[in-house]
């Protein structure tokens, strides 16, 4: 089969071995795969897959089941989307059957390809690790990103007002249209976030450069959930603030979680989040689509930090555009 790999920093759509489908797994004919910042890092050699995971890029996809073992909930022909540790940007992918979910009602395969990773990340870090409760205030850094777009909608759906930091006025308007109460543009004055403080939960993909500010704007018993290090890995912090406010600092990754953990997470998404798509309270924020042969352009636009929402790579044009 053909698959997309980052080889010496270059993207190559090349032949690779077809993965075996073992007990408890399903094989998916991939229609489309969501593009995430982790793919940019892996392509650059900065984020290798966990041991035993395919070197093929892609942490989420949507397509049609072509092989399923006995006793599986899935049948050949089922349309699914899946959370992956890797391998989604290929003609086929094999995944733990528990990490796949039905396409949410009202979504196309193309749209469904960009929701598993971001909604799993937002749900895990806001509601499970961050223990977010209705009425609590949330600060989302990089609010116009894929995860940010999902998080804004989840906060609105579950009754928690949120504010954002973003890179431009246009992106702030985008976040407000999704349901954010307001926010700041990082090139202006990040300290203006103190006008909206105190926050109960901060979802932070930036890390070190925002550390001092985060401690200032978090309230008593606040939770600071760190999911990325775009702003660096080393910070000097006033631990007296952390101690005095009883702040919890939580480091979180999803890709290297074990299979059972991910299965429970996906079950939660199916129960609590997926119905909200059918109700129109959540939407896949798909901004741009690229054919897999144009992967270089897709990676470049995501790296530009000018995307609002998600980018998708189309692997099978006919399948991606087909109707259920």
C-alpha atoms as a PDB file:
ATOM      1  CA  UNK A   1       0.000   0.000   0.000  1.00  0.00           C
ATOM      2  CA  UNK A   2       1.014   3.659  -0.269  1.00  0.00           C
ATOM      3  CA  UNK A   3       1.577   5.771   2.819  1.00  0.00           C
ATOM      4  CA  UNK A   4       2.954   9.175   3.798  1.00  0.00           C
ATOM      5  CA  UNK A   5       6.187   9.234   5.774  1.00  0.00           C
ATOM      6  CA  UNK A   6       8.624  11.867   6.910  1.00  0.00           C
ATOM      7  CA  UNK A   7      12.020  10.708   5.714  1.00  0.00           C
ATOM      8  CA  UNK A   8      15.023  12.928   6.496  1.00  0.00           C
ATOM      9  CA  UNK A   9      12.656  15.839   6.948  1.00  0.00           C
ATOM     10  CA  UNK A  10      10.951  15.296   3.589  1.00  0.00           C
ATOM     11  CA  UNK A  11       7.441  13.999   2.920  1.00  0.00           C
ATOM     12  CA  UNK A  12       7.263  10.879   0.768  1.00  0.00           C
ATOM     13  CA  UNK A  13       4.111   9.112  -0.474  1.00  0.00           C
ATOM     14  CA  UNK A  14       5.668   5.733  -0.944  1.00  0.00           C
ATOM     15  CA  UNK A  15       5.103   2.003  -0.865  1.00  0.00           C
ATOM     16  CA  UNK A  16       5.174   0.364   2.552  1.00  0.00           C
ATOM     17  CA  UNK A  17       4.153  -2.975   3.978  1.00  0.00           C
ATOM     18  CA  UNK A  18       0.453  -3.609   4.442  1.00  0.00           C
ATOM     19  CA  UNK A  19      -0.199  -3.986   8.193  1.00  0.00           C
ATOM     20  CA  UNK A  20      -1.570  -7.246   9.563  1.00  0.00           C
ATOM     21  CA  UNK A  21      -4.996  -7.189  11.197  1.00  0.00           C
ATOM     22  CA  UNK A  22      -4.932  -9.124  14.485  1.00  0.00           C
ATOM     23  CA  UNK A  23      -7.610 -10.133  16.967  1.00  0.00           C
ATOM     24  CA  UNK A  24      -9.348  -7.095  18.426  1.00  0.00           C
ATOM     25  CA  UNK A  25      -8.369  -4.878  15.499  1.00  0.00           C
ATOM     26  CA  UNK A  26     -10.095  -3.598  12.372  1.00  0.00           C
ATOM     27  CA  UNK A  27      -8.758  -2.590   8.985  1.00  0.00           C
ATOM     28  CA  UNK A  28      -9.952   0.725   7.582  1.00  0.00           C
ATOM     29  CA  UNK A  29      -9.811   1.880   3.976  1.00  0.00           C
ATOM     30  CA  UNK A  30      -8.824   5.483   4.604  1.00  0.00           C
ATOM     31  CA  UNK A  31     -10.827   8.240   2.968  1.00  0.00           C
ATOM     32  CA  UNK A  32      -9.106  11.154   4.683  1.00  0.00           C
ATOM     33  CA  UNK A  33      -6.780  11.910   7.586  1.00  0.00           C
ATOM     34  CA  UNK A  34      -6.629  14.942   9.836  1.00  0.00           C
ATOM     35  CA  UNK A  35      -3.373  16.874  10.026  1.00  0.00           C
ATOM     36  CA  UNK A  36      -2.075  17.811  13.476  1.00  0.00           C
ATOM     37  CA  UNK A  37       0.909  19.684  14.860  1.00  0.00           C
ATOM     38  CA  UNK A  38       2.308  16.360  16.061  1.00  0.00           C
ATOM     39  CA  UNK A  39       2.676  15.385  12.396  1.00  0.00           C
ATOM     40  CA  UNK A  40       4.794  18.484  11.798  1.00  0.00           C
ATOM     41  CA  UNK A  41       7.039  17.518  14.694  1.00  0.00           C
ATOM     42  CA  UNK A  42       7.333  13.891  13.597  1.00  0.00           C
ATOM     43  CA  UNK A  43       8.174  14.930  10.052  1.00  0.00           C
ATOM     44  CA  UNK A  44      11.015  17.038  11.491  1.00  0.00           C
ATOM     45  CA  UNK A  45      12.305  14.163  13.605  1.00  0.00           C
ATOM     46  CA  UNK A  46      11.233  15.788  16.887  1.00  0.00           C
ATOM     47  CA  UNK A  47       8.330  13.516  17.856  1.00  0.00           C
ATOM     48  CA  UNK A  48       8.951   9.864  17.018  1.00  0.00           C
ATOM     49  CA  UNK A  49       6.047   7.412  17.338  1.00  0.00           C
ATOM     50  CA  UNK A  50       5.839   5.272  20.479  1.00  0.00           C
ATOM     51  CA  UNK A  51       7.642   1.909  20.347  1.00  0.00           C
ATOM     52  CA  UNK A  52       5.923  -0.551  18.035  1.00  0.00           C
ATOM     53  CA  UNK A  53       3.817   2.096  16.284  1.00  0.00           C
ATOM     54  CA  UNK A  54       3.945   2.664  12.523  1.00  0.00           C
ATOM     55  CA  UNK A  55       6.323   5.312  11.210  1.00  0.00           C
ATOM     56  CA  UNK A  56       3.527   6.444   8.875  1.00  0.00           C
ATOM     57  CA  UNK A  57       2.168   9.886   9.754  1.00  0.00           C
ATOM     58  CA  UNK A  58      -1.375  10.516  10.909  1.00  0.00           C
ATOM     59  CA  UNK A  59      -3.095  10.477  14.309  1.00  0.00           C
ATOM     60  CA  UNK A  60      -6.714  10.401  13.115  1.00  0.00           C
ATOM     61  CA  UNK A  61      -8.643   9.290  10.072  1.00  0.00           C
ATOM     62  CA  UNK A  62     -12.038   8.344   8.685  1.00  0.00           C
ATOM     63  CA  UNK A  63     -12.970   5.641   6.224  1.00  0.00           C
ATOM     64  CA  UNK A  64     -14.715   2.323   5.713  1.00  0.00           C
ATOM     65  CA  UNK A  65     -14.099  -0.944   7.577  1.00  0.00           C
ATOM     66  CA  UNK A  66     -12.761  -3.615   5.205  1.00  0.00           C
ATOM     67  CA  UNK A  67     -11.817  -6.281   7.763  1.00  0.00           C
ATOM     68  CA  UNK A  68     -13.089  -7.043  11.268  1.00  0.00           C
ATOM     69  CA  UNK A  69     -12.530 -10.037  13.503  1.00  0.00           C
ATOM     70  CA  UNK A  70     -15.271 -12.195  15.032  1.00  0.00           C
ATOM     71  CA  UNK A  71     -17.112 -10.675  17.967  1.00  0.00           C
ATOM     72  CA  UNK A  72     -16.302  -7.127  16.889  1.00  0.00           C
ATOM     73  CA  UNK A  73     -19.015  -4.454  17.004  1.00  0.00           C
ATOM     74  CA  UNK A  74     -17.896  -3.490  13.507  1.00  0.00           C
ATOM     75  CA  UNK A  75     -18.880  -5.018  10.190  1.00  0.00           C
ATOM     76  CA  UNK A  76     -17.315  -4.711   6.752  1.00  0.00           C
ATOM     77  CA  UNK A  77     -18.724  -1.580   5.151  1.00  0.00           C
ATOM     78  CA  UNK A  78     -19.194   0.399   8.374  1.00  0.00           C
ATOM     79  CA  UNK A  79     -18.161   4.043   8.113  1.00  0.00           C
ATOM     80  CA  UNK A  80     -15.935   5.000  11.039  1.00  0.00           C
ATOM     81  CA  UNK A  81     -13.431   7.517  12.323  1.00  0.00           C
ATOM     82  CA  UNK A  82     -10.526   6.546  14.537  1.00  0.00           C
ATOM     83  CA  UNK A  83      -7.972   7.842  17.010  1.00  0.00           C
ATOM     84  CA  UNK A  84      -4.501   6.555  16.123  1.00  0.00           C
ATOM     85  CA  UNK A  85      -0.986   6.553  17.516  1.00  0.00           C
ATOM     86  CA  UNK A  86       0.203   6.751  13.894  1.00  0.00           C
ATOM     87  CA  UNK A  87      -0.487   5.369  10.436  1.00  0.00           C
ATOM     88  CA  UNK A  88      -3.538   7.376   9.349  1.00  0.00           C
ATOM     89  CA  UNK A  89      -2.043   8.980   6.237  1.00  0.00           C
ATOM     90  CA  UNK A  90      -2.124   5.782   4.225  1.00  0.00           C
ATOM     91  CA  UNK A  91      -4.426   3.858   1.935  1.00  0.00           C
ATOM     92  CA  UNK A  92      -5.188   1.509   4.822  1.00  0.00           C
ATOM     93  CA  UNK A  93      -4.738   1.544   8.573  1.00  0.00           C
ATOM     94  CA  UNK A  94      -5.204  -1.126  11.237  1.00  0.00           C
ATOM     95  CA  UNK A  95      -6.407   0.035  14.636  1.00  0.00           C
ATOM     96  CA  UNK A  96      -7.708  -1.322  17.930  1.00  0.00           C
ATOM     97  CA  UNK A  97     -11.441  -1.728  17.290  1.00  0.00           C
ATOM     98  CA  UNK A  98     -12.197   0.148  20.517  1.00  0.00           C
ATOM     99  CA  UNK A  99     -10.460   3.269  19.211  1.00  0.00           C
ATOM    100  CA  UNK A 100     -12.900   3.657  16.313  1.00  0.00           C
ATOM    101  CA  UNK A 101     -16.289   5.360  16.545  1.00  0.00           C
ATOM    102  CA  UNK A 102     -19.213   5.639  14.157  1.00  0.00           C
ATOM    103  CA  UNK A 103     -19.326   8.768  12.016  1.00  0.00           C
ATOM    104  CA  UNK A 104     -21.360  11.303  14.009  1.00  0.00           C
ATOM    105  CA  UNK A 105     -24.773  11.918  12.545  1.00  0.00           C
ATOM    106  CA  UNK A 106     -24.727  14.711   9.999  1.00  0.00           C
ATOM    107  CA  UNK A 107     -20.979  14.571   9.271  1.00  0.00           C
ATOM    108  CA  UNK A 108     -19.243  13.453   6.092  1.00  0.00           C
ATOM    109  CA  UNK A 109     -16.193  11.198   6.121  1.00  0.00           C
ATOM    110  CA  UNK A 110     -14.139  14.260   5.271  1.00  0.00           C
ATOM    111  CA  UNK A 111     -15.396  16.162   8.319  1.00  0.00           C
ATOM    112  CA  UNK A 112     -15.182  13.133  10.595  1.00  0.00           C
ATOM    113  CA  UNK A 113     -11.495  12.696   9.752  1.00  0.00           C
ATOM    114  CA  UNK A 114     -10.608  15.854  11.697  1.00  0.00           C
ATOM    115  CA  UNK A 115     -12.490  15.265  14.956  1.00  0.00           C
ATOM    116  CA  UNK A 116     -11.091  12.223  16.854  1.00  0.00           C
ATOM    117  CA  UNK A 117      -7.731  13.685  17.901  1.00  0.00           C
ATOM    118  CA  UNK A 118      -8.879  17.184  18.814  1.00  0.00           C
ATOM    119  CA  UNK A 119     -12.054  16.209  20.629  1.00  0.00           C
ATOM    120  CA  UNK A 120     -10.269  13.411  22.481  1.00  0.00           C
ATOM    121  CA  UNK A 121      -7.544  15.871  23.506  1.00  0.00           C
ATOM    122  CA  UNK A 122      -9.982  18.577  24.586  1.00  0.00           C
ATOM    123  CA  UNK A 123     -12.243  16.171  26.496  1.00  0.00           C
ATOM    124  CA  UNK A 124      -9.357  14.418  28.247  1.00  0.00           C
ATOM    125  CA  UNK A 125      -7.617  17.564  29.374  1.00  0.00           C
ATOM    126  CA  UNK A 126     -10.548  19.795  30.242  1.00  0.00           C
ATOM    127  CA  UNK A 127     -13.064  17.388  31.706  1.00  0.00           C
ATOM    128  CA  UNK A 128     -11.095  14.367  32.888  1.00  0.00           C
ATOM    129  CA  UNK A 129      -7.723  15.747  33.994  1.00  0.00           C
ATOM    130  CA  UNK A 130      -8.856  19.353  34.468  1.00  0.00           C
ATOM    131  CA  UNK A 131     -12.061  18.258  36.268  1.00  0.00           C
ATOM    132  CA  UNK A 132     -13.938  21.173  34.665  1.00  0.00           C
ATOM    133  CA  UNK A 133     -17.355  21.854  36.198  1.00  0.00           C
ATOM    134  CA  UNK A 134     -20.281  23.870  34.802  1.00  0.00           C
ATOM    135  CA  UNK A 135     -19.839  27.549  35.502  1.00  0.00           C
ATOM    136  CA  UNK A 136     -16.071  27.384  35.949  1.00  0.00           C
ATOM    137  CA  UNK A 137     -14.001  29.772  33.835  1.00  0.00           C
ATOM    138  CA  UNK A 138     -11.514  28.482  31.249  1.00  0.00           C
ATOM    139  CA  UNK A 139      -8.561  30.051  29.453  1.00  0.00           C
ATOM    140  CA  UNK A 140      -7.568  28.430  26.161  1.00  0.00           C
ATOM    141  CA  UNK A 141      -4.200  29.388  24.720  1.00  0.00           C
ATOM    142  CA  UNK A 142      -3.990  29.003  20.904  1.00  0.00           C
ATOM    143  CA  UNK A 143      -7.765  29.160  20.879  1.00  0.00           C
ATOM    144  CA  UNK A 144      -8.129  29.082  17.082  1.00  0.00           C
ATOM    145  CA  UNK A 145      -6.189  25.822  16.712  1.00  0.00           C
ATOM    146  CA  UNK A 146      -7.869  22.489  16.096  1.00  0.00           C
ATOM    147  CA  UNK A 147      -7.853  21.588  19.790  1.00  0.00           C
ATOM    148  CA  UNK A 148      -8.830  25.143  20.721  1.00  0.00           C
ATOM    149  CA  UNK A 149     -11.770  25.097  18.304  1.00  0.00           C
ATOM    150  CA  UNK A 150     -13.020  21.832  19.818  1.00  0.00           C
ATOM    151  CA  UNK A 151     -12.444  23.080  23.366  1.00  0.00           C
ATOM    152  CA  UNK A 152     -14.415  26.298  22.825  1.00  0.00           C
ATOM    153  CA  UNK A 153     -17.403  24.345  21.578  1.00  0.00           C
ATOM    154  CA  UNK A 154     -17.211  21.842  24.443  1.00  0.00           C
ATOM    155  CA  UNK A 155     -16.971  24.614  27.023  1.00  0.00           C
ATOM    156  CA  UNK A 156     -20.060  26.272  25.566  1.00  0.00           C
ATOM    157  CA  UNK A 157     -21.981  22.992  25.362  1.00  0.00           C
ATOM    158  CA  UNK A 158     -21.257  22.089  28.985  1.00  0.00           C
ATOM    159  CA  UNK A 159     -21.774  25.523  30.490  1.00  0.00           C
ATOM    160  CA  UNK A 160     -18.263  26.793  31.183  1.00  0.00           C
ATOM    161  CA  UNK A 161     -17.427  30.289  29.879  1.00  0.00           C
ATOM    162  CA  UNK A 162     -14.058  30.472  28.135  1.00  0.00           C
ATOM    163  CA  UNK A 163     -11.592  33.084  26.979  1.00  0.00           C
ATOM    164  CA  UNK A 164      -8.714  32.685  24.508  1.00  0.00           C
ATOM    165  CA  UNK A 165      -5.297  33.913  23.514  1.00  0.00           C
ATOM    166  CA  UNK A 166      -4.744  33.956  19.751  1.00  0.00           C
ATOM    167  CA  UNK A 167      -2.442  35.292  17.066  1.00  0.00           C
ATOM    168  CA  UNK A 168      -4.647  37.877  15.324  1.00  0.00           C
ATOM    169  CA  UNK A 169      -7.859  39.886  15.496  1.00  0.00           C
ATOM    170  CA  UNK A 170      -9.338  37.648  12.801  1.00  0.00           C
ATOM    171  CA  UNK A 171      -8.665  34.577  14.905  1.00  0.00           C
ATOM    172  CA  UNK A 172     -10.178  36.209  17.956  1.00  0.00           C
ATOM    173  CA  UNK A 173     -13.350  36.939  15.985  1.00  0.00           C
ATOM    174  CA  UNK A 174     -13.378  33.291  14.846  1.00  0.00           C
ATOM    175  CA  UNK A 175     -13.172  32.077  18.455  1.00  0.00           C
ATOM    176  CA  UNK A 176     -15.917  34.437  19.575  1.00  0.00           C
ATOM    177  CA  UNK A 177     -18.150  33.160  16.779  1.00  0.00           C
ATOM    178  CA  UNK A 178     -17.603  29.625  18.111  1.00  0.00           C
ATOM    179  CA  UNK A 179     -18.632  30.677  21.607  1.00  0.00           C
ATOM    180  CA  UNK A 180     -15.636  32.211  23.390  1.00  0.00           C
ATOM    181  CA  UNK A 181     -16.494  35.138  25.670  1.00  0.00           C
ATOM    182  CA  UNK A 182     -13.469  37.124  24.488  1.00  0.00           C
ATOM    183  CA  UNK A 183      -9.701  37.115  24.714  1.00  0.00           C
ATOM    184  CA  UNK A 184      -6.467  38.781  23.687  1.00  0.00           C
ATOM    185  CA  UNK A 185      -4.106  38.837  20.724  1.00  0.00           C
ATOM    186  CA  UNK A 186      -0.673  37.676  21.826  1.00  0.00           C
ATOM    187  CA  UNK A 187       1.111  40.398  19.830  1.00  0.00           C
ATOM    188  CA  UNK A 188      -0.762  43.073  21.796  1.00  0.00           C
ATOM    189  CA  UNK A 189      -0.918  42.641  25.548  1.00  0.00           C
ATOM    190  CA  UNK A 190      -1.201  39.163  27.050  1.00  0.00           C
ATOM    191  CA  UNK A 191      -1.355  40.748  30.492  1.00  0.00           C
ATOM    192  CA  UNK A 192      -4.841  41.955  29.530  1.00  0.00           C
ATOM    193  CA  UNK A 193      -5.991  38.427  30.317  1.00  0.00           C
ATOM    194  CA  UNK A 194      -5.895  39.541  33.947  1.00  0.00           C
ATOM    195  CA  UNK A 195      -9.039  41.573  33.190  1.00  0.00           C
ATOM    196  CA  UNK A 196     -10.940  38.290  32.750  1.00  0.00           C
ATOM    197  CA  UNK A 197      -9.284  36.411  35.625  1.00  0.00           C
ATOM    198  CA  UNK A 198      -9.377  34.425  37.814  1.00  0.00           C
ATOM    199  CA  UNK A 199      -9.608  31.253  35.723  1.00  0.00           C
ATOM    200  CA  UNK A 200     -10.338  27.799  37.077  1.00  0.00           C
ATOM    201  CA  UNK A 201      -8.701  25.822  34.243  1.00  0.00           C
ATOM    202  CA  UNK A 202      -6.059  26.742  31.659  1.00  0.00           C
ATOM    203  CA  UNK A 203      -5.490  24.522  28.626  1.00  0.00           C
ATOM    204  CA  UNK A 204      -1.962  25.352  27.529  1.00  0.00           C
ATOM    205  CA  UNK A 205      -0.110  24.117  24.424  1.00  0.00           C
ATOM    206  CA  UNK A 206       2.495  26.886  24.778  1.00  0.00           C
ATOM    207  CA  UNK A 207       4.363  26.078  27.966  1.00  0.00           C
ATOM    208  CA  UNK A 208       7.344  27.996  29.313  1.00  0.00           C
ATOM    209  CA  UNK A 209       6.801  31.483  27.891  1.00  0.00           C
ATOM    210  CA  UNK A 210       3.284  31.670  29.361  1.00  0.00           C
ATOM    211  CA  UNK A 211       4.145  30.088  32.698  1.00  0.00           C
ATOM    212  CA  UNK A 212       4.455  33.233  34.800  1.00  0.00           C
ATOM    213  CA  UNK A 213       1.241  34.674  33.384  1.00  0.00           C
ATOM    214  CA  UNK A 214      -0.670  31.438  33.944  1.00  0.00           C
ATOM    215  CA  UNK A 215       0.171  31.451  37.645  1.00  0.00           C
ATOM    216  CA  UNK A 216      -1.037  35.040  37.944  1.00  0.00           C
ATOM    217  CA  UNK A 217      -4.406  34.516  36.253  1.00  0.00           C
ATOM    218  CA  UNK A 218      -5.318  31.158  37.787  1.00  0.00           C
ATOM    219  CA  UNK A 219      -7.615  31.326  40.782  1.00  0.00           C
ATOM    220  CA  UNK A 220      -7.661  29.361  44.014  1.00  0.00           C
ATOM    221  CA  UNK A 221      -7.495  25.595  43.338  1.00  0.00           C
ATOM    222  CA  UNK A 222      -6.888  26.312  39.642  1.00  0.00           C
ATOM    223  CA  UNK A 223      -5.730  23.626  37.218  1.00  0.00           C
ATOM    224  CA  UNK A 224      -3.006  24.341  34.647  1.00  0.00           C
ATOM    225  CA  UNK A 225      -3.002  21.568  32.041  1.00  0.00           C
ATOM    226  CA  UNK A 226       0.078  21.624  29.791  1.00  0.00           C
ATOM    227  CA  UNK A 227      -0.344  19.808  26.464  1.00  0.00           C
ATOM    228  CA  UNK A 228       2.476  21.323  24.401  1.00  0.00           C
ATOM    229  CA  UNK A 229       5.698  23.279  24.475  1.00  0.00           C
ATOM    230  CA  UNK A 230       5.440  25.710  21.548  1.00  0.00           C
ATOM    231  CA  UNK A 231       6.783  28.444  23.828  1.00  0.00           C
ATOM    232  CA  UNK A 232       9.693  26.460  25.238  1.00  0.00           C
ATOM    233  CA  UNK A 233      10.369  23.810  27.846  1.00  0.00           C
ATOM    234  CA  UNK A 234      12.162  25.685  30.635  1.00  0.00           C
ATOM    235  CA  UNK A 235      10.581  28.366  32.810  1.00  0.00           C
ATOM    236  CA  UNK A 236      11.371  30.192  36.037  1.00  0.00           C
ATOM    237  CA  UNK A 237       8.226  30.199  38.185  1.00  0.00           C
ATOM    238  CA  UNK A 238       7.191  31.703  41.473  1.00  0.00           C
ATOM    239  CA  UNK A 239       6.249  28.526  43.320  1.00  0.00           C
ATOM    240  CA  UNK A 240       4.845  30.581  46.184  1.00  0.00           C
ATOM    241  CA  UNK A 241       1.941  31.488  43.894  1.00  0.00           C
ATOM    242  CA  UNK A 242       1.422  27.845  42.974  1.00  0.00           C
ATOM    243  CA  UNK A 243       1.521  26.837  46.630  1.00  0.00           C
ATOM    244  CA  UNK A 244      -0.595  29.699  47.968  1.00  0.00           C
ATOM    245  CA  UNK A 245      -3.344  29.203  45.388  1.00  0.00           C
ATOM    246  CA  UNK A 246      -3.161  25.388  45.615  1.00  0.00           C
ATOM    247  CA  UNK A 247      -2.686  25.261  41.830  1.00  0.00           C
ATOM    248  CA  UNK A 248      -2.403  21.869  40.183  1.00  0.00           C
ATOM    249  CA  UNK A 249       0.093  21.744  37.297  1.00  0.00           C
ATOM    250  CA  UNK A 250      -0.747  18.780  35.073  1.00  0.00           C
ATOM    251  CA  UNK A 251       1.424  17.528  32.221  1.00  0.00           C
ATOM    252  CA  UNK A 252      -0.557  15.581  29.640  1.00  0.00           C
ATOM    253  CA  UNK A 253       0.078  13.594  26.472  1.00  0.00           C
ATOM    254  CA  UNK A 254      -2.349  11.336  24.622  1.00  0.00           C
ATOM    255  CA  UNK A 255      -0.402   9.568  21.903  1.00  0.00           C
ATOM    256  CA  UNK A 256       1.592   7.309  24.236  1.00  0.00           C
ATOM    257  CA  UNK A 257      -1.348   6.342  26.472  1.00  0.00           C
ATOM    258  CA  UNK A 258      -2.095   2.629  26.598  1.00  0.00           C
ATOM    259  CA  UNK A 259      -4.825   0.952  24.565  1.00  0.00           C
ATOM    260  CA  UNK A 260      -7.229   0.480  27.472  1.00  0.00           C
ATOM    261  CA  UNK A 261      -6.967   4.148  28.473  1.00  0.00           C
ATOM    262  CA  UNK A 262      -7.753   5.254  24.927  1.00  0.00           C
ATOM    263  CA  UNK A 263     -10.645   2.795  24.739  1.00  0.00           C
ATOM    264  CA  UNK A 264     -12.226   4.336  27.835  1.00  0.00           C
ATOM    265  CA  UNK A 265     -11.648   7.819  26.467  1.00  0.00           C
ATOM    266  CA  UNK A 266     -13.306   6.985  23.156  1.00  0.00           C
ATOM    267  CA  UNK A 267     -16.239   5.382  24.974  1.00  0.00           C
ATOM    268  CA  UNK A 268     -16.718   8.643  26.863  1.00  0.00           C
ATOM    269  CA  UNK A 269     -16.649  10.600  23.604  1.00  0.00           C
ATOM    270  CA  UNK A 270     -19.290   8.349  22.097  1.00  0.00           C
ATOM    271  CA  UNK A 271     -21.532   8.713  25.143  1.00  0.00           C
ATOM    272  CA  UNK A 272     -21.147  12.385  25.992  1.00  0.00           C
ATOM    273  CA  UNK A 273     -19.774  14.195  22.931  1.00  0.00           C
ATOM    274  CA  UNK A 274     -20.875  12.436  19.741  1.00  0.00           C
ATOM    275  CA  UNK A 275     -24.636  13.109  20.317  1.00  0.00           C
ATOM    276  CA  UNK A 276     -23.915  16.838  20.358  1.00  0.00           C
ATOM    277  CA  UNK A 277     -22.912  16.701  16.675  1.00  0.00           C
ATOM    278  CA  UNK A 278     -26.365  15.372  15.777  1.00  0.00           C
ATOM    279  CA  UNK A 279     -27.908  18.177  17.842  1.00  0.00           C
ATOM    280  CA  UNK A 280     -25.856  20.771  15.934  1.00  0.00           C
ATOM    281  CA  UNK A 281     -24.106  21.963  19.109  1.00  0.00           C
ATOM    282  CA  UNK A 282     -20.695  20.811  17.869  1.00  0.00           C
ATOM    283  CA  UNK A 283     -19.220  21.177  14.384  1.00  0.00           C
ATOM    284  CA  UNK A 284     -16.100  19.901  12.681  1.00  0.00           C
ATOM    285  CA  UNK A 285     -14.062  23.030  12.042  1.00  0.00           C
ATOM    286  CA  UNK A 286     -12.587  21.919   8.732  1.00  0.00           C
ATOM    287  CA  UNK A 287     -10.977  24.904   7.027  1.00  0.00           C
ATOM    288  CA  UNK A 288      -8.881  23.410   4.221  1.00  0.00           C
ATOM    289  CA  UNK A 289      -8.582  20.149   2.311  1.00  0.00           C
ATOM    290  CA  UNK A 290      -5.603  18.936   0.308  1.00  0.00           C
ATOM    291  CA  UNK A 291      -5.075  15.863  -1.816  1.00  0.00           C
ATOM    292  CA  UNK A 292      -2.392  13.628  -0.348  1.00  0.00           C
ATOM    293  CA  UNK A 293      -0.185  14.426  -3.366  1.00  0.00           C
ATOM    294  CA  UNK A 294      -0.226  18.043  -2.107  1.00  0.00           C
ATOM    295  CA  UNK A 295       0.799  17.097   1.420  1.00  0.00           C
ATOM    296  CA  UNK A 296       3.747  19.498   1.370  1.00  0.00           C
ATOM    297  CA  UNK A 297       1.399  22.459   0.912  1.00  0.00           C
ATOM    298  CA  UNK A 298      -0.854  21.171   3.701  1.00  0.00           C
ATOM    299  CA  UNK A 299       2.057  20.890   6.120  1.00  0.00           C
ATOM    300  CA  UNK A 300       3.279  24.363   5.164  1.00  0.00           C
ATOM    301  CA  UNK A 301      -0.092  26.011   5.803  1.00  0.00           C
ATOM    302  CA  UNK A 302      -0.460  24.356   9.203  1.00  0.00           C
ATOM    303  CA  UNK A 303       3.068  25.402  10.154  1.00  0.00           C
ATOM    304  CA  UNK A 304       2.231  29.003   9.193  1.00  0.00           C
ATOM    305  CA  UNK A 305      -0.106  29.259  12.208  1.00  0.00           C
ATOM    306  CA  UNK A 306      -2.681  30.957   9.996  1.00  0.00           C
ATOM    307  CA  UNK A 307      -5.220  28.130   9.975  1.00  0.00           C
ATOM    308  CA  UNK A 308      -8.462  28.498  11.915  1.00  0.00           C
ATOM    309  CA  UNK A 309      -9.566  24.993  12.805  1.00  0.00           C
ATOM    310  CA  UNK A 310      -8.351  21.919  10.951  1.00  0.00           C
ATOM    311  CA  UNK A 311      -6.597  20.798   7.764  1.00  0.00           C
ATOM    312  CA  UNK A 312      -7.418  17.435   6.162  1.00  0.00           C
ATOM    313  CA  UNK A 313      -5.496  15.272   3.706  1.00  0.00           C
ATOM    314  CA  UNK A 314      -7.706  13.407   1.249  1.00  0.00           C
ATOM    315  CA  UNK A 315      -6.376   9.933   0.538  1.00  0.00           C
ATOM    316  CA  UNK A 316      -9.304   8.531  -1.487  1.00  0.00           C
ATOM    317  CA  UNK A 317     -11.221  11.295  -3.300  1.00  0.00           C
ATOM    318  CA  UNK A 318     -14.173   9.132  -4.334  1.00  0.00           C
ATOM    319  CA  UNK A 319     -14.654   7.684  -0.862  1.00  0.00           C
ATOM    320  CA  UNK A 320     -14.166  10.998   0.943  1.00  0.00           C
ATOM    321  CA  UNK A 321     -16.870  12.701  -1.120  1.00  0.00           C
ATOM    322  CA  UNK A 322     -19.337   9.797  -1.032  1.00  0.00           C
ATOM    323  CA  UNK A 323     -22.575  10.047   0.914  1.00  0.00           C
ATOM    324  CA  UNK A 324     -23.632   7.598   3.625  1.00  0.00           C
END
